[in-house]
Protein backbone atom coordinates (compact mmCIF):
# COMPACT_ATOMS: atom_id res chain seq x y z
CA UNK A 1 214.54 36.66 44.82
CA UNK A 2 217.59 34.93 43.33
CA UNK A 3 215.88 34.80 39.94
CA UNK A 4 215.37 38.55 40.11
CA UNK A 5 219.00 39.14 41.01
CA UNK A 6 220.20 36.94 38.17
CA UNK A 7 217.84 38.74 35.81
CA UNK A 8 219.26 42.04 37.04
CA UNK A 9 222.70 40.98 35.92
CA UNK A 10 221.40 39.98 32.49
CA UNK A 11 219.58 43.30 32.11
CA UNK A 12 222.77 45.03 33.08
CA UNK A 13 224.45 43.56 30.02
CA UNK A 14 222.03 45.55 27.89
CA UNK A 15 222.41 48.55 30.14
CA UNK A 16 226.18 48.70 29.74
CA UNK A 17 226.34 47.99 26.01
CA UNK A 18 227.78 51.48 25.54
CA UNK A 19 230.29 51.29 28.36
CA UNK A 20 234.00 52.12 28.04
CA UNK A 21 236.57 49.35 27.77
CA UNK A 22 238.77 48.73 30.79
CA UNK A 23 241.85 46.52 30.72
CA UNK A 24 241.75 43.33 32.85
CA UNK A 25 244.36 44.62 35.28
CA UNK A 26 242.98 48.17 35.50
CA UNK A 27 240.14 49.79 37.39
CA UNK A 28 241.27 48.66 40.85
CA UNK A 29 239.34 46.61 43.37
CA UNK A 30 238.22 43.01 43.37
CA UNK A 31 236.49 41.66 40.28
CA UNK A 32 233.58 39.17 40.27
CA UNK A 33 235.81 36.52 38.66
CA UNK A 34 238.04 36.70 41.74
CA UNK A 35 235.23 35.64 44.11
CA UNK A 36 233.44 33.13 41.88
CA UNK A 37 234.70 29.52 41.68
CA UNK A 38 236.88 28.17 38.87
CA UNK A 39 234.49 25.29 38.17
CA UNK A 40 232.06 27.76 36.56
CA UNK A 41 230.80 26.70 33.14
CA UNK A 42 229.57 30.19 32.29
CA UNK A 43 230.27 33.68 33.61
CA UNK A 44 228.81 37.13 33.11
CA UNK A 45 230.06 40.35 34.73
CA UNK A 46 229.05 43.99 34.34
CA UNK A 47 230.15 47.36 35.68
CA UNK A 48 227.22 49.62 36.56
CA UNK A 49 229.19 52.85 36.90
CA UNK A 50 231.17 53.68 33.75
CA UNK A 51 232.71 57.16 33.40
CA UNK A 52 230.27 60.03 32.85
CA UNK A 53 230.92 60.42 29.13
CA UNK A 54 230.25 56.75 28.50
CA UNK A 55 227.32 56.66 30.90
CA UNK A 56 225.38 58.96 28.55
CA UNK A 57 225.81 56.44 25.70
CA UNK A 58 224.67 53.63 28.00
CA UNK A 59 221.54 55.50 29.04
CA UNK A 60 220.75 56.37 25.41
CA UNK A 61 220.94 52.69 24.51
CA UNK A 62 218.86 51.68 27.51
CA UNK A 63 216.12 54.19 26.67
CA UNK A 64 216.04 52.91 23.08
CA UNK A 65 215.18 49.39 24.24
CA UNK A 66 211.57 48.19 24.39
CA UNK A 67 210.23 49.01 27.89
CA UNK A 68 213.42 50.93 28.67
CA UNK A 69 213.17 53.63 31.34
CA UNK A 70 212.64 57.24 30.40
CA UNK A 71 213.72 60.37 32.22
CA UNK A 72 217.21 61.61 32.92
CA UNK A 73 218.39 59.23 35.64
CA UNK A 74 222.17 59.01 35.83
CA UNK A 75 222.40 55.99 38.16
CA UNK A 76 222.57 52.85 36.02
CA UNK A 77 222.03 50.69 39.09
CA UNK A 78 218.68 52.39 39.63
CA UNK A 79 217.88 52.21 35.90
CA UNK A 80 218.40 48.43 35.93
CA UNK A 81 216.31 48.11 39.11
CA UNK A 82 213.45 50.18 37.63
CA UNK A 83 213.49 48.12 34.44
CA UNK A 84 213.09 44.93 36.46
CA UNK A 85 210.51 46.42 38.82
CA UNK A 86 208.29 47.37 35.88
CA UNK A 87 208.24 43.72 34.88
CA UNK A 88 207.33 42.56 38.39
CA UNK A 89 210.72 40.93 38.99
CA UNK A 90 211.38 42.65 42.34
CA UNK A 91 208.09 42.40 44.21
CA UNK A 92 208.52 43.39 47.84
CA UNK A 93 212.01 44.81 47.31
CA UNK A 94 212.40 48.51 48.06
CA UNK A 95 215.26 50.34 46.32
CA UNK A 96 216.03 52.88 49.05
CA UNK A 97 215.75 50.37 51.91
CA UNK A 98 216.89 47.02 50.46
CA UNK A 99 219.29 47.78 47.60
CA UNK A 100 220.78 51.28 47.34
CA UNK A 101 222.50 51.39 50.78
CA UNK A 102 224.84 48.49 50.01
CA UNK A 103 224.92 47.53 46.30
CA UNK A 104 228.22 48.39 44.64
CA UNK A 105 229.09 48.90 40.98
CA UNK A 106 230.00 45.38 39.88
CA UNK A 107 227.79 42.33 39.38
CA UNK A 108 228.78 38.83 38.31
CA UNK A 109 226.89 35.58 37.70
CA UNK A 110 228.35 32.10 37.30
CA UNK A 111 226.77 28.75 36.42
CA UNK A 112 228.40 25.81 38.20
CA UNK A 113 228.06 22.12 37.31
CA UNK A 114 225.63 19.97 39.28
CA UNK A 115 226.91 17.74 42.05
CA UNK A 116 224.91 14.54 42.57
CA UNK A 117 224.10 14.11 46.23
CA UNK A 118 225.71 17.45 47.03
CA UNK A 119 224.31 20.55 48.67
CA UNK A 120 220.61 21.00 48.22
CA UNK A 121 219.80 17.25 48.20
CA UNK A 122 218.46 15.11 45.35
CA UNK A 123 216.18 17.83 43.94
CA UNK A 124 219.14 20.14 43.49
CA UNK A 125 221.24 17.38 41.99
CA UNK A 126 218.78 17.09 39.12
CA UNK A 127 219.32 20.74 38.12
CA UNK A 128 221.50 21.09 35.00
CA UNK A 129 223.55 23.91 36.60
CA UNK A 130 223.93 25.65 39.97
CA UNK A 131 223.73 29.45 39.70
CA UNK A 132 225.66 31.78 41.98
CA UNK A 133 225.67 35.59 41.83
CA UNK A 134 228.37 37.96 43.11
CA UNK A 135 227.20 41.49 43.94
CA UNK A 136 229.73 44.11 44.94
CA UNK A 137 229.10 45.47 48.44
CA UNK A 138 229.97 49.00 49.50
CA UNK A 139 228.52 48.74 53.04
CA UNK A 140 228.76 45.29 54.65
CA UNK A 141 226.58 46.17 57.64
CA UNK A 142 223.79 47.43 55.36
CA UNK A 143 224.16 44.32 53.18
CA UNK A 144 223.86 41.98 56.18
CA UNK A 145 220.74 43.79 57.38
CA UNK A 146 219.03 43.85 53.97
CA UNK A 147 219.90 40.25 53.00
CA UNK A 148 218.89 39.07 56.46
CA UNK A 149 215.48 40.73 56.08
CA UNK A 150 214.94 39.17 52.67
CA UNK A 151 216.00 35.71 53.85
CA UNK A 152 213.71 36.03 56.86
CA UNK A 153 210.65 36.34 54.62
CA UNK A 154 211.10 32.75 53.51
CA UNK A 155 212.19 31.59 50.09
CA UNK A 156 215.07 34.06 50.06
CA UNK A 157 218.50 33.17 48.70
CA UNK A 158 221.43 31.82 50.63
CA UNK A 159 224.22 34.37 50.98
CA UNK A 160 227.82 34.81 52.12
CA UNK A 161 229.97 37.95 52.25
CA UNK A 162 233.40 37.43 50.66
CA UNK A 163 236.11 39.97 49.80
CA UNK A 164 233.74 42.88 49.27
CA UNK A 165 231.00 40.85 47.54
CA UNK A 166 227.77 39.15 48.51
CA UNK A 167 227.59 35.65 47.03
CA UNK A 168 223.97 34.58 46.48
CA UNK A 169 222.81 31.05 45.63
CA UNK A 170 219.47 29.14 45.72
CA UNK A 171 220.12 28.04 49.32
CA UNK A 172 222.61 28.66 52.12
CA UNK A 173 224.51 25.39 51.59
CA UNK A 174 225.18 26.25 47.95
CA UNK A 175 226.27 29.80 48.83
CA UNK A 176 228.75 28.51 51.40
CA UNK A 177 230.02 25.83 49.00
CA UNK A 178 230.60 28.46 46.30
CA UNK A 179 232.51 30.66 48.74
CA UNK A 180 234.79 27.76 49.80
CA UNK A 181 235.44 26.79 46.17
CA UNK A 182 236.24 30.40 45.21
CA UNK A 183 238.67 30.79 48.09
CA UNK A 184 240.38 27.57 47.05
CA UNK A 185 240.58 28.50 43.34
CA UNK A 186 238.79 31.49 41.79
CA UNK A 187 237.73 31.66 38.16
CA UNK A 188 240.21 34.48 37.53
CA UNK A 189 243.04 31.97 38.08
CA UNK A 190 241.76 29.53 35.44
CA UNK A 191 244.23 29.63 32.49
CA UNK A 192 241.56 29.07 29.85
CA UNK A 193 239.36 31.86 31.18
CA UNK A 194 242.25 34.30 31.52
CA UNK A 195 243.58 33.63 28.01
CA UNK A 196 240.12 33.91 26.43
CA UNK A 197 239.44 37.28 28.05
CA UNK A 198 242.91 38.55 27.21
CA UNK A 199 242.42 37.57 23.54
CA UNK A 200 239.47 39.99 23.43
CA UNK A 201 241.71 42.86 24.43
CA UNK A 202 241.04 42.46 28.13
CA UNK A 203 238.07 42.94 30.39
CA UNK A 204 235.29 45.22 29.24
CA UNK A 205 232.60 46.84 31.30
CA UNK A 206 230.50 43.83 30.34
CA UNK A 207 232.28 40.50 29.93
CA UNK A 208 230.86 37.04 29.23
CA UNK A 209 232.55 33.66 29.04
CA UNK A 210 231.36 30.07 28.67
CA UNK A 211 232.89 26.62 28.57
CA UNK A 212 230.58 25.88 25.65
CA UNK A 213 231.30 22.18 25.30
CA UNK A 214 230.75 21.59 29.02
CA UNK A 215 227.41 23.40 28.88
CA UNK A 216 226.11 21.35 25.94
CA UNK A 217 225.24 18.18 27.90
CA UNK A 218 223.27 19.81 30.76
CA UNK A 219 221.55 22.18 28.34
CA UNK A 220 220.47 19.25 26.19
CA UNK A 221 219.27 17.32 29.24
CA UNK A 222 217.19 20.31 30.34
CA UNK A 223 215.70 20.71 26.85
CA UNK A 224 214.78 17.03 26.64
CA UNK A 225 213.24 17.17 30.11
CA UNK A 226 211.24 20.31 29.31
CA UNK A 227 209.93 18.85 26.05
CA UNK A 228 209.11 15.46 27.52
CA UNK A 229 211.07 13.90 24.65
CA UNK A 230 213.78 11.28 24.74
CA UNK A 231 216.81 10.80 22.57
CA UNK A 232 214.99 8.07 20.65
CA UNK A 233 212.02 10.17 19.56
CA UNK A 234 211.89 12.44 16.52
CA UNK A 235 211.71 15.51 18.78
CA UNK A 236 214.57 14.21 20.86
CA UNK A 237 216.71 13.55 17.79
CA UNK A 238 216.03 17.08 16.60
CA UNK A 239 217.16 18.50 19.95
CA UNK A 240 220.28 16.33 19.97
CA UNK A 241 221.11 17.35 16.41
CA UNK A 242 220.59 21.01 17.27
CA UNK A 243 222.83 20.72 20.33
CA UNK A 244 225.55 19.06 18.27
CA UNK A 245 225.31 21.73 15.59
CA UNK A 246 225.59 24.47 18.21
CA UNK A 247 228.52 22.79 19.94
CA UNK A 248 230.34 22.34 16.63
CA UNK A 249 229.78 25.99 15.75
CA UNK A 250 230.74 27.45 19.12
CA UNK A 251 233.68 25.21 19.97
CA UNK A 252 234.97 24.33 23.44
CA UNK A 253 235.00 27.89 24.83
CA UNK A 254 233.40 31.22 23.89
CA UNK A 255 234.09 34.71 25.25
CA UNK A 256 232.62 38.15 24.56
CA UNK A 257 233.18 41.71 25.70
CA UNK A 258 231.06 44.86 25.42
CA UNK A 259 232.84 48.21 25.23
CA UNK A 260 232.82 51.59 23.53
CA UNK A 261 235.62 52.34 21.08
CA UNK A 262 235.88 55.89 19.78
CA UNK A 263 232.36 56.61 21.00
CA UNK A 264 230.83 53.56 19.28
CA UNK A 265 229.23 50.73 21.28
CA UNK A 266 231.00 47.53 20.27
CA UNK A 267 230.60 43.81 20.95
CA UNK A 268 233.52 41.46 20.26
CA UNK A 269 233.08 37.69 20.64
CA UNK A 270 235.53 34.86 19.91
CA UNK A 271 235.09 31.11 19.76
CA UNK A 272 237.21 28.18 18.68
CA UNK A 273 235.67 25.35 16.73
CA UNK A 274 238.08 24.17 14.08
CA UNK A 275 237.22 27.10 11.85
CA UNK A 276 239.35 27.71 8.77
CA UNK A 277 239.32 30.64 6.40
CA UNK A 278 237.88 29.52 3.04
CA UNK A 279 240.45 28.70 0.37
CA UNK A 280 241.07 31.64 -1.93
CA UNK A 281 239.17 33.79 0.55
CA UNK A 282 238.07 37.23 -0.53
CA UNK A 283 236.07 39.80 1.44
CA UNK A 284 232.30 39.18 1.36
CA UNK A 285 230.54 41.04 -1.43
CA UNK A 286 228.69 43.50 0.79
CA UNK A 287 230.75 46.52 -0.29
CA UNK A 288 229.75 45.95 -3.91
CA UNK A 289 226.00 46.01 -3.28
CA UNK A 290 224.01 48.96 -4.64
CA UNK A 291 224.32 52.26 -2.82
CA UNK A 292 221.28 53.01 -0.68
CA UNK A 293 220.76 49.40 0.40
CA UNK A 294 218.94 49.54 3.74
CA UNK A 295 220.03 46.16 5.10
CA UNK A 296 222.50 43.65 3.75
CA UNK A 297 224.09 40.30 4.55
CA UNK A 298 227.02 38.83 2.62
CA UNK A 299 228.91 35.56 3.18
CA UNK A 300 232.00 34.17 1.46
CA UNK A 301 232.67 30.42 1.27
CA UNK A 302 229.43 29.27 2.89
CA UNK A 303 229.07 26.30 0.53
CA UNK A 304 232.47 24.92 1.46
CA UNK A 305 231.82 25.47 5.16
CA UNK A 306 228.49 23.66 4.87
CA UNK A 307 230.14 20.62 3.28
CA UNK A 308 232.98 20.45 5.80
CA UNK A 309 230.71 20.96 8.81
CA UNK A 310 228.17 18.44 7.58
CA UNK A 311 230.78 15.75 6.98
CA UNK A 312 232.32 16.32 10.40
CA UNK A 313 228.96 16.03 12.18
CA UNK A 314 228.02 12.83 10.35
CA UNK A 315 231.41 11.27 11.07
CA UNK A 316 231.53 12.20 14.77
CA UNK A 317 227.92 11.67 15.91
CA UNK A 318 226.11 8.38 15.17
CA UNK A 319 222.69 9.87 15.95
CA UNK A 320 223.24 12.79 13.58
CA UNK A 321 224.49 10.34 10.97
CA UNK A 322 221.23 8.39 11.28
CA UNK A 323 219.13 11.50 10.80
CA UNK A 324 221.18 13.32 8.16
CA UNK A 325 223.64 10.87 6.71
CA UNK A 326 221.62 7.74 6.10
CA UNK A 327 223.05 4.42 4.92
CA UNK A 328 225.27 4.33 1.81
CA UNK A 329 223.11 4.55 -1.29
CA UNK A 330 219.93 5.30 0.67
CA UNK A 331 218.09 8.61 0.96
CA UNK A 332 217.11 9.87 4.38
CA UNK A 333 213.64 11.12 5.27
CA UNK A 334 215.04 14.67 5.24
CA UNK A 335 216.39 14.19 1.71
CA UNK A 336 213.09 12.73 0.53
CA UNK A 337 211.20 15.70 1.92
CA UNK A 338 213.55 18.19 0.27
CA UNK A 339 213.92 16.12 -2.92
CA UNK A 340 217.60 17.02 -2.68
CA UNK A 341 220.75 15.07 -1.92
CA UNK A 342 222.37 16.42 1.23
CA UNK A 343 224.50 18.36 1.59
CA UNK A 344 225.36 18.52 -2.12
CA UNK A 345 221.92 19.81 -3.14
CA UNK A 346 222.19 22.82 -0.84
CA UNK A 347 225.80 23.75 -1.62
CA UNK A 348 225.00 25.71 -4.83
CA UNK A 349 222.50 27.83 -2.91
CA UNK A 350 225.00 28.47 -0.11
CA UNK A 351 227.38 29.41 -2.89
CA UNK A 352 230.92 30.66 -3.08
CA UNK A 353 229.54 34.12 -2.38
CA UNK A 354 226.04 34.93 -1.15
CA UNK A 355 224.50 38.37 -0.70
CA UNK A 356 221.06 39.42 0.52
CA UNK A 357 219.90 43.03 0.14
CA UNK A 358 216.80 44.89 1.32
CA UNK A 359 215.94 48.12 -0.45
CA UNK A 360 215.00 51.29 1.50
CA UNK A 361 211.72 51.10 3.36
CA UNK A 362 211.04 47.67 1.91
CA UNK A 363 209.06 49.36 -0.87
CA UNK A 364 211.51 48.28 -3.58
CA UNK A 365 211.64 44.73 -2.28
CA UNK A 366 214.43 42.34 -1.40
CA UNK A 367 216.91 40.40 -3.51
CA UNK A 368 219.31 37.48 -3.13
CA UNK A 369 222.45 36.98 -5.21
CA UNK A 370 224.46 33.74 -5.24
CA UNK A 371 227.74 33.17 -7.08
CA UNK A 372 228.38 29.49 -7.86
CA UNK A 373 229.35 27.47 -10.97
CA UNK A 374 225.88 25.85 -10.82
CA UNK A 375 223.40 28.75 -10.57
CA UNK A 376 220.56 26.53 -11.83
CA UNK A 377 221.21 24.13 -8.94
CA UNK A 378 221.04 27.08 -6.57
CA UNK A 379 217.67 27.99 -8.06
CA UNK A 380 216.30 24.46 -7.62
CA UNK A 381 217.39 24.33 -3.99
CA UNK A 382 215.78 27.70 -3.31
CA UNK A 383 212.51 26.61 -4.94
CA UNK A 384 212.38 23.47 -2.78
CA UNK A 385 213.03 25.40 0.44
CA UNK A 386 210.42 28.04 -0.40
CA UNK A 387 207.86 25.38 -1.26
CA UNK A 388 208.43 23.57 2.03
CA UNK A 389 208.03 26.86 3.87
CA UNK A 390 204.75 27.54 2.09
CA UNK A 391 206.31 30.51 0.26
CA UNK A 392 206.40 29.19 -3.30
CA UNK A 393 206.57 32.10 -5.71
CA UNK A 394 207.77 34.56 -3.06
CA UNK A 395 210.75 35.51 -5.27
CA UNK A 396 209.27 35.72 -8.76
CA UNK A 397 212.05 37.77 -10.36
CA UNK A 398 215.04 35.74 -11.55
CA UNK A 399 218.16 36.30 -13.61
CA UNK A 400 221.01 33.88 -14.26
CA UNK A 401 224.23 35.15 -15.79
CA UNK A 402 227.95 34.48 -15.59
CA UNK A 403 227.75 31.91 -12.79
CA UNK A 404 225.38 34.05 -10.73
CA UNK A 405 221.78 33.64 -9.66
CA UNK A 406 219.78 36.74 -8.72
CA UNK A 407 216.25 36.35 -7.36
CA UNK A 408 214.05 39.13 -6.01
CA UNK A 409 210.58 40.17 -5.00
CA UNK A 410 210.39 43.03 -7.53
CA UNK A 411 212.01 43.92 -10.87
CA UNK A 412 213.68 46.98 -9.36
CA UNK A 413 215.27 44.94 -6.58
CA UNK A 414 216.51 42.37 -9.08
CA UNK A 415 217.89 45.03 -11.39
CA UNK A 416 219.71 46.80 -8.57
CA UNK A 417 221.54 43.61 -7.63
CA UNK A 418 222.44 42.34 -11.09
CA UNK A 419 226.16 42.52 -11.77
CA UNK A 420 227.63 44.50 -14.64
CA UNK A 421 230.64 42.15 -14.87
CA UNK A 422 233.05 44.96 -15.62
CA UNK A 423 234.15 45.66 -12.04
CA UNK A 424 234.89 42.16 -10.74
CA UNK A 425 233.13 39.62 -8.54
CA UNK A 426 230.54 40.97 -6.17
CA UNK A 427 230.44 44.47 -7.61
CA UNK A 428 227.24 46.32 -8.43
CA UNK A 429 226.40 48.24 -11.56
CA UNK A 430 226.65 51.89 -10.55
CA UNK A 431 227.60 53.37 -7.15
CA UNK A 432 228.49 50.79 -4.50
CA UNK A 433 227.42 50.56 -0.89
CA UNK A 434 231.02 50.37 0.29
CA UNK A 435 231.61 53.91 -0.97
CA UNK A 436 229.33 55.35 1.70
CA UNK A 437 231.31 56.74 4.68
CA UNK A 438 228.78 55.35 7.16
CA UNK A 439 229.35 51.81 5.90
CA UNK A 440 233.12 52.13 6.22
CA UNK A 441 232.62 53.45 9.74
CA UNK A 442 230.37 50.56 10.73
CA UNK A 443 232.53 47.89 9.04
CA UNK A 444 236.19 48.91 9.44
CA UNK A 445 237.38 45.27 9.31
CA UNK A 446 235.45 44.25 6.21
CA UNK A 447 238.56 43.28 4.23
CA UNK A 448 239.47 40.61 6.81
CA UNK A 449 235.93 39.20 7.11
CA UNK A 450 234.32 36.07 5.71
CA UNK A 451 230.82 37.39 6.44
CA UNK A 452 229.35 40.83 7.05
CA UNK A 453 226.03 42.49 7.79
CA UNK A 454 224.93 46.12 7.70
CA UNK A 455 221.73 47.93 8.70
CA UNK A 456 220.84 51.54 7.95
CA UNK A 457 218.16 52.33 10.54
CA UNK A 458 216.89 55.32 8.53
CA UNK A 459 216.65 53.23 5.38
CA UNK A 460 214.62 50.55 7.14
CA UNK A 461 211.92 53.02 8.15
CA UNK A 462 208.58 52.54 6.33
CA UNK A 463 207.43 55.31 3.96
CA UNK A 464 205.50 57.07 6.73
CA UNK A 465 208.32 56.69 9.25
CA UNK A 466 208.35 54.72 12.48
CA UNK A 467 205.38 55.15 14.81
CA UNK A 468 206.25 57.81 17.40
CA UNK A 469 207.35 56.25 20.67
CA UNK A 470 207.67 52.75 19.20
CA UNK A 471 210.70 50.58 19.90
CA UNK A 472 212.10 51.03 16.35
CA UNK A 473 211.62 54.80 16.62
CA UNK A 474 213.47 54.88 19.92
CA UNK A 475 216.32 52.75 18.58
CA UNK A 476 216.61 54.81 15.40
CA UNK A 477 216.58 57.97 17.50
CA UNK A 478 219.71 56.84 19.35
CA UNK A 479 221.62 55.08 16.57
CA UNK A 480 222.05 55.65 12.84
CA UNK A 481 223.41 52.29 11.69
CA UNK A 482 224.91 48.97 12.76
CA UNK A 483 227.52 46.74 11.20
CA UNK A 484 228.89 43.28 12.00
CA UNK A 485 231.70 41.15 10.61
CA UNK A 486 232.73 37.53 11.10
CA UNK A 487 236.42 36.81 10.63
CA UNK A 488 238.88 33.94 11.10
CA UNK A 489 241.86 35.84 12.56
CA UNK A 490 243.76 32.66 13.45
CA UNK A 491 243.37 28.96 12.62
CA UNK A 492 240.37 27.53 14.45
CA UNK A 493 239.16 30.92 15.74
CA UNK A 494 235.95 32.69 14.71
CA UNK A 495 235.53 36.33 15.77
CA UNK A 496 232.41 38.50 15.69
CA UNK A 497 232.76 42.30 15.71
CA UNK A 498 229.45 44.23 16.06
CA UNK A 499 229.34 48.04 16.14
CA UNK A 500 226.56 50.59 16.64
CA UNK A 501 226.91 54.11 15.22
CA UNK A 502 225.32 56.70 17.51
CA UNK A 503 223.59 59.80 16.18
């Protein structure tokens, strides 16, 4: 039952992706962060009843998802319940009897650290985190009756009513412990949490937060346990290296908010990890790609970021150094397999500016353009990576000119991405993608970005169109395009801004 309730909260994040932004201090009533404990390592909260105008956008997004509900239901709580019920996540739970009479409009989930020898006994102590859910209650008597019935069936969750919420945990001892901890010090009073949410412009209808560094160790332990590997095996070293890479990228804390700005669903996420804007930074070259590009990705300064991140990992983590760094003057097994010195051999391919473009419908192929003083080195690195992936020859078209490498699947894709040289770095010969109003609408912060991506959902459609009723058809029926930017708005801060353009 608890798993289903936690899943309901996660589904609700998708449900409310079109919801209206609400400031942290607005909206009235108690928030989930005010009844969940401050020792939480991760937090997720959603509002299931946005204003009517925004609710329509939410339902359109929900119906565009694979297995999303159809019909014209206006109750997002019921829509989330039906979505779960179709997947078998709520067996034996009746909406009218067990949920609707008491469930309110706010849901929160927190992951607490394990406590050895604490509530739940030794088996619980081995768990990497302790989940607790906070569900808003609009009728306490109905909540007591429904939760009591569910608990009486055996295997039900532990629960406590607190300040207008039902706190649910794997067992009663953990539920009561969470309630005591929240009364002593709620998450909303944690300075780091409050400042992270405020930096996003305040609370949205869906808000997520994580103490990323604190989650890394238990997540790694769980992965090692699930794989049966240890830190000394090759698989274990790979998991450790992956965890370190993720922790370095995400930094000590990460926060995200989902809202609708000017009618456009928007996700904003921020993390701190020692990020710095590349020297001599310029906007990524996405705007200069050929007009009509169906999907594009552009990154500025990736080569420099690769070098800095690689050096930091090797210096700070002995295990990573053994796998990637090797001894002075000796090649590692990874370098032998790639036949490249790392990271230097990959830096030309990462480039000073990198752009990937997909032509409409995929019929005209895809192309990659890299700007770097050593375009031949970029070509060698690409050949090695393709060969290792079993895709040798996948990009047969190649042109090298003026410090740029262009490779593509077809001559037309290569030609569309080749640079005239008369309009500056990153510009295309002929009309540019950035001149299209839809692109400017999807990427309003492109000039401040270090990376950007854009997708035209009509342009991605195959020549015969999407299959009626398919997930892509449903998504394209609700939204015309999507754009995302990565920026470094302040030293050490990386910010993602993702926007969907509705029809």
